[in-house]
Amino acid sequence: MTQPPYRDARRVFWIADNGSSHRGQRAVRRLQARYPQLILVHGPVHASWLKQMEIYFSIIQRRVRTPTDFPSLAVLAERLATFARYSGQIAAPFQWTFSRHDLERLMNKLHDTRSLPALAA
């Protein structure tokens, strides 16, 4: 936020998950006090696109950064770039298998479960 283009922008939108360090209005006030042009946008609690990024980075951790004994940052950077090119070549649209009917069944099951009396401990 202290360097261009962010420093010179009229507004900067930060899209954030609901992590404890930046959740709620208290975080909004704290960050805007420091960066007045900042607009903090919280994604939904169960934001699948953020989870997809977490999945992608976990793949990088397992396939690219393991083992972690790179002789230099340049070698690591080249390995990351090679993986990015490879993953771009094999990428395909995700085919959702969870249908509207699956959601209805799950919601009905949850509703039925919540109507049951609590089990004794």
N, C-alpha and C. Protein backbone atom coordinates (compact mmCIF):
# COMPACT_ATOMS: atom_id res chain seq x y z
N MET A 1 0.82 -1.19 0.00
CA MET A 1 0.00 0.00 0.00
C MET A 1 0.86 1.26 0.00
N THR A 2 2.13 1.13 0.29
CA THR A 2 3.00 2.30 0.36
C THR A 2 3.74 2.56 -0.94
N GLN A 3 3.55 1.71 -1.94
CA GLN A 3 4.25 1.87 -3.21
C GLN A 3 3.24 1.99 -4.34
N PRO A 4 3.66 2.65 -5.44
CA PRO A 4 2.76 2.71 -6.59
C PRO A 4 2.50 1.31 -7.11
N PRO A 5 1.37 1.04 -7.66
CA PRO A 5 0.26 1.95 -7.96
C PRO A 5 -0.71 2.11 -6.79
N TYR A 6 -0.55 1.33 -5.73
CA TYR A 6 -1.50 1.35 -4.61
C TYR A 6 -1.48 2.68 -3.86
N ARG A 7 -0.29 3.20 -3.61
CA ARG A 7 -0.17 4.46 -2.86
C ARG A 7 -0.90 5.59 -3.57
N ASP A 8 -0.87 5.60 -4.91
CA ASP A 8 -1.44 6.69 -5.68
C ASP A 8 -2.89 6.46 -6.09
N ALA A 9 -3.43 5.29 -5.79
CA ALA A 9 -4.79 4.97 -6.21
C ALA A 9 -5.82 5.69 -5.34
N ARG A 10 -6.93 6.04 -5.96
CA ARG A 10 -8.04 6.65 -5.22
C ARG A 10 -8.70 5.63 -4.30
N ARG A 11 -8.84 4.39 -4.80
CA ARG A 11 -9.40 3.30 -4.01
C ARG A 11 -8.63 2.03 -4.34
N VAL A 12 -8.42 1.21 -3.31
CA VAL A 12 -7.80 -0.10 -3.49
C VAL A 12 -8.69 -1.12 -2.79
N PHE A 13 -9.13 -2.12 -3.55
CA PHE A 13 -9.99 -3.15 -3.00
C PHE A 13 -9.12 -4.34 -2.60
N TRP A 14 -9.21 -4.73 -1.35
CA TRP A 14 -8.55 -5.94 -0.86
C TRP A 14 -9.63 -6.98 -0.68
N ILE A 15 -9.47 -8.11 -1.36
CA ILE A 15 -10.42 -9.20 -1.19
C ILE A 15 -9.81 -10.17 -0.22
N ALA A 16 -10.52 -10.44 0.86
CA ALA A 16 -9.96 -11.25 1.93
C ALA A 16 -10.94 -12.35 2.33
N ASP A 17 -10.37 -13.41 2.85
CA ASP A 17 -11.23 -14.44 3.42
C ASP A 17 -11.64 -13.98 4.81
N ASN A 18 -12.19 -14.85 5.60
CA ASN A 18 -12.66 -14.47 6.92
C ASN A 18 -11.72 -14.96 8.01
N GLY A 19 -10.42 -14.87 7.72
CA GLY A 19 -9.42 -15.25 8.72
C GLY A 19 -9.51 -14.34 9.94
N SER A 20 -9.06 -14.84 11.08
CA SER A 20 -9.23 -14.11 12.34
C SER A 20 -8.48 -12.78 12.37
N SER A 21 -7.42 -12.62 11.59
CA SER A 21 -6.65 -11.38 11.62
C SER A 21 -7.30 -10.26 10.83
N HIS A 22 -8.27 -10.56 10.00
CA HIS A 22 -8.89 -9.52 9.17
C HIS A 22 -10.40 -9.74 9.00
N ARG A 23 -11.03 -10.24 10.03
CA ARG A 23 -12.47 -10.51 9.99
C ARG A 23 -13.23 -9.38 10.68
N GLY A 24 -14.36 -9.01 10.14
CA GLY A 24 -15.29 -8.11 10.81
C GLY A 24 -14.98 -6.63 10.68
N GLN A 25 -15.86 -5.83 11.25
CA GLN A 25 -15.76 -4.37 11.16
C GLN A 25 -14.54 -3.81 11.90
N ARG A 26 -14.11 -4.48 12.94
CA ARG A 26 -12.94 -4.02 13.67
C ARG A 26 -11.71 -4.02 12.76
N ALA A 27 -11.58 -5.08 11.95
CA ALA A 27 -10.47 -5.15 11.01
C ALA A 27 -10.60 -4.09 9.93
N VAL A 28 -11.83 -3.86 9.46
CA VAL A 28 -12.06 -2.82 8.45
C VAL A 28 -11.60 -1.46 9.00
N ARG A 29 -12.04 -1.12 10.20
CA ARG A 29 -11.66 0.17 10.80
C ARG A 29 -10.15 0.27 11.00
N ARG A 30 -9.54 -0.81 11.50
CA ARG A 30 -8.09 -0.80 11.74
C ARG A 30 -7.31 -0.58 10.45
N LEU A 31 -7.68 -1.29 9.40
CA LEU A 31 -6.95 -1.17 8.14
C LEU A 31 -7.22 0.16 7.45
N GLN A 32 -8.46 0.65 7.51
CA GLN A 32 -8.76 1.93 6.88
C GLN A 32 -8.14 3.10 7.63
N ALA A 33 -7.91 2.96 8.93
CA ALA A 33 -7.21 4.00 9.67
C ALA A 33 -5.78 4.14 9.16
N ARG A 34 -5.20 3.03 8.79
CA ARG A 34 -3.82 3.05 8.28
C ARG A 34 -3.76 3.38 6.80
N TYR A 35 -4.72 2.89 6.04
CA TYR A 35 -4.77 3.09 4.59
C TYR A 35 -6.16 3.61 4.22
N PRO A 36 -6.36 4.91 4.20
CA PRO A 36 -7.70 5.47 3.98
C PRO A 36 -8.34 5.07 2.65
N GLN A 37 -7.54 4.79 1.63
CA GLN A 37 -8.10 4.43 0.32
C GLN A 37 -8.46 2.95 0.24
N LEU A 38 -8.20 2.21 1.30
CA LEU A 38 -8.47 0.77 1.31
C LEU A 38 -9.95 0.47 1.49
N ILE A 39 -10.44 -0.45 0.68
CA ILE A 39 -11.79 -0.99 0.86
C ILE A 39 -11.64 -2.49 1.01
N LEU A 40 -11.89 -2.98 2.22
CA LEU A 40 -11.74 -4.40 2.52
C LEU A 40 -13.03 -5.12 2.15
N VAL A 41 -12.91 -6.12 1.30
CA VAL A 41 -14.06 -6.88 0.84
C VAL A 41 -13.90 -8.31 1.34
N HIS A 42 -14.81 -8.74 2.18
CA HIS A 42 -14.78 -10.11 2.68
C HIS A 42 -15.56 -11.02 1.75
N GLY A 43 -14.95 -12.12 1.39
CA GLY A 43 -15.65 -13.13 0.61
C GLY A 43 -16.60 -13.91 1.49
N PRO A 44 -17.43 -14.71 0.91
CA PRO A 44 -18.32 -15.55 1.72
C PRO A 44 -17.50 -16.46 2.63
N VAL A 45 -18.08 -16.86 3.72
CA VAL A 45 -17.39 -17.73 4.68
C VAL A 45 -16.89 -19.00 3.98
N HIS A 46 -17.70 -19.54 3.11
CA HIS A 46 -17.32 -20.76 2.40
C HIS A 46 -17.03 -20.43 0.93
N ALA A 47 -16.05 -19.54 0.70
CA ALA A 47 -15.74 -19.08 -0.66
C ALA A 47 -14.94 -20.14 -1.40
N SER A 48 -15.61 -20.82 -2.31
CA SER A 48 -14.95 -21.92 -3.01
C SER A 48 -13.76 -21.46 -3.84
N TRP A 49 -13.80 -20.23 -4.38
CA TRP A 49 -12.66 -19.79 -5.19
C TRP A 49 -11.42 -19.60 -4.32
N LEU A 50 -11.59 -19.18 -3.08
CA LEU A 50 -10.43 -19.09 -2.19
C LEU A 50 -9.92 -20.48 -1.83
N LYS A 51 -10.84 -21.39 -1.62
CA LYS A 51 -10.42 -22.76 -1.33
C LYS A 51 -9.65 -23.34 -2.52
N GLN A 52 -10.06 -22.98 -3.73
CA GLN A 52 -9.34 -23.46 -4.90
C GLN A 52 -7.90 -22.95 -4.89
N MET A 53 -7.69 -21.70 -4.47
CA MET A 53 -6.33 -21.17 -4.38
C MET A 53 -5.54 -21.94 -3.32
N GLU A 54 -6.18 -22.24 -2.20
CA GLU A 54 -5.50 -23.01 -1.16
C GLU A 54 -5.11 -24.38 -1.69
N ILE A 55 -6.00 -24.98 -2.46
CA ILE A 55 -5.70 -26.29 -3.05
C ILE A 55 -4.52 -26.17 -4.00
N TYR A 56 -4.53 -25.13 -4.86
CA TYR A 56 -3.43 -24.93 -5.81
C TYR A 56 -2.10 -24.77 -5.08
N PHE A 57 -2.08 -23.95 -4.03
CA PHE A 57 -0.84 -23.75 -3.29
C PHE A 57 -0.41 -25.01 -2.55
N SER A 58 -1.34 -25.84 -2.12
CA SER A 58 -0.95 -27.10 -1.48
C SER A 58 -0.34 -28.04 -2.51
N ILE A 59 -0.83 -27.99 -3.76
CA ILE A 59 -0.22 -28.78 -4.83
C ILE A 59 1.20 -28.30 -5.09
N ILE A 60 1.37 -26.99 -5.13
CA ILE A 60 2.73 -26.44 -5.31
C ILE A 60 3.64 -26.90 -4.19
N GLN A 61 3.14 -26.86 -2.96
CA GLN A 61 3.94 -27.30 -1.82
C GLN A 61 4.38 -28.75 -1.98
N ARG A 62 3.46 -29.62 -2.39
CA ARG A 62 3.76 -31.05 -2.49
C ARG A 62 4.60 -31.38 -3.73
N ARG A 63 4.27 -30.77 -4.87
CA ARG A 63 4.91 -31.17 -6.12
C ARG A 63 6.10 -30.33 -6.54
N VAL A 64 6.15 -29.09 -6.09
CA VAL A 64 7.20 -28.19 -6.55
C VAL A 64 8.24 -27.93 -5.46
N ARG A 65 7.78 -27.68 -4.26
CA ARG A 65 8.70 -27.28 -3.20
C ARG A 65 9.22 -28.44 -2.37
N THR A 66 8.80 -29.65 -2.66
CA THR A 66 9.29 -30.80 -1.92
C THR A 66 10.12 -31.66 -2.86
N PRO A 67 11.35 -31.96 -2.55
CA PRO A 67 12.08 -31.56 -1.35
C PRO A 67 12.45 -30.07 -1.40
N THR A 68 12.83 -29.55 -0.26
CA THR A 68 13.07 -28.10 -0.16
C THR A 68 14.55 -27.74 -0.20
N ASP A 69 15.34 -28.52 -0.83
CA ASP A 69 16.79 -28.26 -0.86
C ASP A 69 17.23 -27.70 -2.21
N PHE A 70 16.73 -26.52 -2.57
CA PHE A 70 17.11 -25.87 -3.82
C PHE A 70 18.45 -25.17 -3.64
N PRO A 71 19.33 -25.29 -4.62
CA PRO A 71 20.65 -24.66 -4.48
C PRO A 71 20.59 -23.13 -4.52
N SER A 72 19.50 -22.55 -5.09
CA SER A 72 19.39 -21.09 -5.16
C SER A 72 17.94 -20.70 -5.39
N LEU A 73 17.65 -19.42 -5.16
CA LEU A 73 16.31 -18.91 -5.43
C LEU A 73 16.01 -18.96 -6.92
N ALA A 74 17.02 -18.80 -7.76
CA ALA A 74 16.81 -18.86 -9.21
C ALA A 74 16.32 -20.24 -9.63
N VAL A 75 16.86 -21.28 -9.03
CA VAL A 75 16.43 -22.65 -9.36
C VAL A 75 14.98 -22.85 -8.91
N LEU A 76 14.65 -22.38 -7.72
CA LEU A 76 13.27 -22.47 -7.24
C LEU A 76 12.32 -21.69 -8.15
N ALA A 77 12.73 -20.47 -8.54
CA ALA A 77 11.89 -19.65 -9.43
C ALA A 77 11.66 -20.36 -10.76
N GLU A 78 12.68 -20.98 -11.31
CA GLU A 78 12.52 -21.70 -12.58
C GLU A 78 11.60 -22.90 -12.41
N ARG A 79 11.72 -23.59 -11.29
CA ARG A 79 10.85 -24.75 -11.06
C ARG A 79 9.39 -24.32 -10.92
N LEU A 80 9.15 -23.20 -10.23
CA LEU A 80 7.79 -22.67 -10.12
C LEU A 80 7.24 -22.26 -11.49
N ALA A 81 8.07 -21.60 -12.30
CA ALA A 81 7.64 -21.18 -13.63
C ALA A 81 7.34 -22.38 -14.51
N THR A 82 8.17 -23.42 -14.42
CA THR A 82 7.94 -24.63 -15.20
C THR A 82 6.62 -25.28 -14.79
N PHE A 83 6.35 -25.35 -13.50
CA PHE A 83 5.10 -25.92 -13.03
C PHE A 83 3.90 -25.09 -13.49
N ALA A 84 4.03 -23.77 -13.45
CA ALA A 84 2.94 -22.90 -13.89
C ALA A 84 2.63 -23.15 -15.37
N ARG A 85 3.66 -23.27 -16.19
CA ARG A 85 3.43 -23.56 -17.61
C ARG A 85 2.77 -24.92 -17.78
N TYR A 86 3.27 -25.92 -17.06
CA TYR A 86 2.71 -27.28 -17.14
C TYR A 86 1.25 -27.30 -16.71
N SER A 87 0.95 -26.68 -15.57
CA SER A 87 -0.43 -26.72 -15.07
C SER A 87 -1.36 -25.95 -16.00
N GLY A 88 -0.85 -24.92 -16.68
CA GLY A 88 -1.66 -24.20 -17.66
C GLY A 88 -1.98 -25.06 -18.87
N GLN A 89 -1.07 -25.96 -19.23
CA GLN A 89 -1.29 -26.84 -20.38
C GLN A 89 -2.30 -27.94 -20.09
N ILE A 90 -2.30 -28.43 -18.85
CA ILE A 90 -3.19 -29.56 -18.53
C ILE A 90 -4.50 -29.11 -17.89
N ALA A 91 -4.67 -27.81 -17.67
CA ALA A 91 -5.86 -27.31 -16.98
C ALA A 91 -7.11 -27.62 -17.80
N ALA A 92 -8.17 -27.95 -17.09
CA ALA A 92 -9.46 -28.22 -17.72
C ALA A 92 -10.55 -27.71 -16.80
N PRO A 93 -11.69 -27.34 -17.37
CA PRO A 93 -12.79 -26.88 -16.50
C PRO A 93 -13.20 -27.98 -15.52
N PHE A 94 -13.54 -27.55 -14.34
CA PHE A 94 -13.98 -28.48 -13.30
C PHE A 94 -15.43 -28.86 -13.57
N GLN A 95 -15.70 -30.13 -13.50
CA GLN A 95 -17.07 -30.62 -13.70
C GLN A 95 -17.69 -30.89 -12.33
N TRP A 96 -18.63 -30.03 -11.93
CA TRP A 96 -19.28 -30.20 -10.65
C TRP A 96 -20.15 -31.46 -10.69
N THR A 97 -20.06 -32.24 -9.64
CA THR A 97 -20.89 -33.44 -9.55
C THR A 97 -21.98 -33.29 -8.49
N PHE A 98 -21.89 -32.25 -7.69
CA PHE A 98 -22.88 -32.00 -6.64
C PHE A 98 -24.01 -31.19 -7.25
N SER A 99 -25.16 -31.82 -7.42
CA SER A 99 -26.27 -31.19 -8.14
C SER A 99 -27.22 -30.47 -7.19
N ARG A 100 -28.17 -29.77 -7.78
CA ARG A 100 -29.23 -29.11 -7.02
C ARG A 100 -30.01 -30.14 -6.22
N HIS A 101 -30.22 -31.31 -6.81
CA HIS A 101 -30.95 -32.38 -6.11
C HIS A 101 -30.15 -32.91 -4.92
N ASP A 102 -28.82 -33.00 -5.09
CA ASP A 102 -27.96 -33.40 -3.97
C ASP A 102 -28.08 -32.39 -2.84
N LEU A 103 -28.11 -31.11 -3.18
CA LEU A 103 -28.25 -30.06 -2.16
C LEU A 103 -29.60 -30.18 -1.45
N GLU A 104 -30.65 -30.41 -2.20
CA GLU A 104 -31.97 -30.57 -1.59
C GLU A 104 -31.99 -31.76 -0.62
N ARG A 105 -31.40 -32.88 -1.04
CA ARG A 105 -31.34 -34.05 -0.15
C ARG A 105 -30.56 -33.74 1.12
N LEU A 106 -29.43 -33.05 0.97
CA LEU A 106 -28.62 -32.69 2.13
C LEU A 106 -29.38 -31.76 3.06
N MET A 107 -30.04 -30.75 2.50
CA MET A 107 -30.80 -29.82 3.33
C MET A 107 -31.94 -30.52 4.06
N ASN A 108 -32.62 -31.44 3.37
CA ASN A 108 -33.69 -32.20 4.03
C ASN A 108 -33.13 -33.07 5.14
N LYS A 109 -31.99 -33.68 4.91
CA LYS A 109 -31.37 -34.52 5.94
C LYS A 109 -30.98 -33.66 7.15
N LEU A 110 -30.40 -32.49 6.90
CA LEU A 110 -30.04 -31.60 8.01
C LEU A 110 -31.28 -31.14 8.76
N HIS A 111 -32.32 -30.82 8.04
CA HIS A 111 -33.56 -30.39 8.68
C HIS A 111 -34.12 -31.51 9.55
N ASP A 112 -34.14 -32.74 9.01
CA ASP A 112 -34.65 -33.88 9.79
C ASP A 112 -33.79 -34.13 11.02
N THR A 113 -32.49 -33.99 10.88
CA THR A 113 -31.57 -34.22 12.00
C THR A 113 -31.76 -33.20 13.09
N ARG A 114 -31.99 -31.96 12.71
CA ARG A 114 -32.17 -30.90 13.71
C ARG A 114 -33.49 -31.04 14.45
N SER A 115 -34.45 -31.73 13.85
CA SER A 115 -35.74 -31.91 14.53
C SER A 115 -35.69 -33.00 15.58
N LEU A 116 -34.64 -33.83 15.55
CA LEU A 116 -34.55 -34.92 16.51
C LEU A 116 -34.21 -34.38 17.89
N PRO A 117 -34.65 -35.03 18.94
CA PRO A 117 -34.25 -34.59 20.29
C PRO A 117 -32.76 -34.83 20.49
N ALA A 118 -32.15 -34.02 21.32
CA ALA A 118 -30.72 -34.14 21.60
C ALA A 118 -30.45 -35.48 22.27
N LEU A 119 -29.33 -36.07 21.90
CA LEU A 119 -28.92 -37.35 22.50
C LEU A 119 -28.31 -37.09 23.87
N ALA A 120 -28.56 -37.98 24.80
CA ALA A 120 -27.95 -37.85 26.13
C ALA A 120 -26.47 -38.15 26.04
N ALA A 121 -25.69 -37.39 26.77
CA ALA A 121 -24.22 -37.58 26.73
C ALA A 121 -23.79 -38.74 27.58
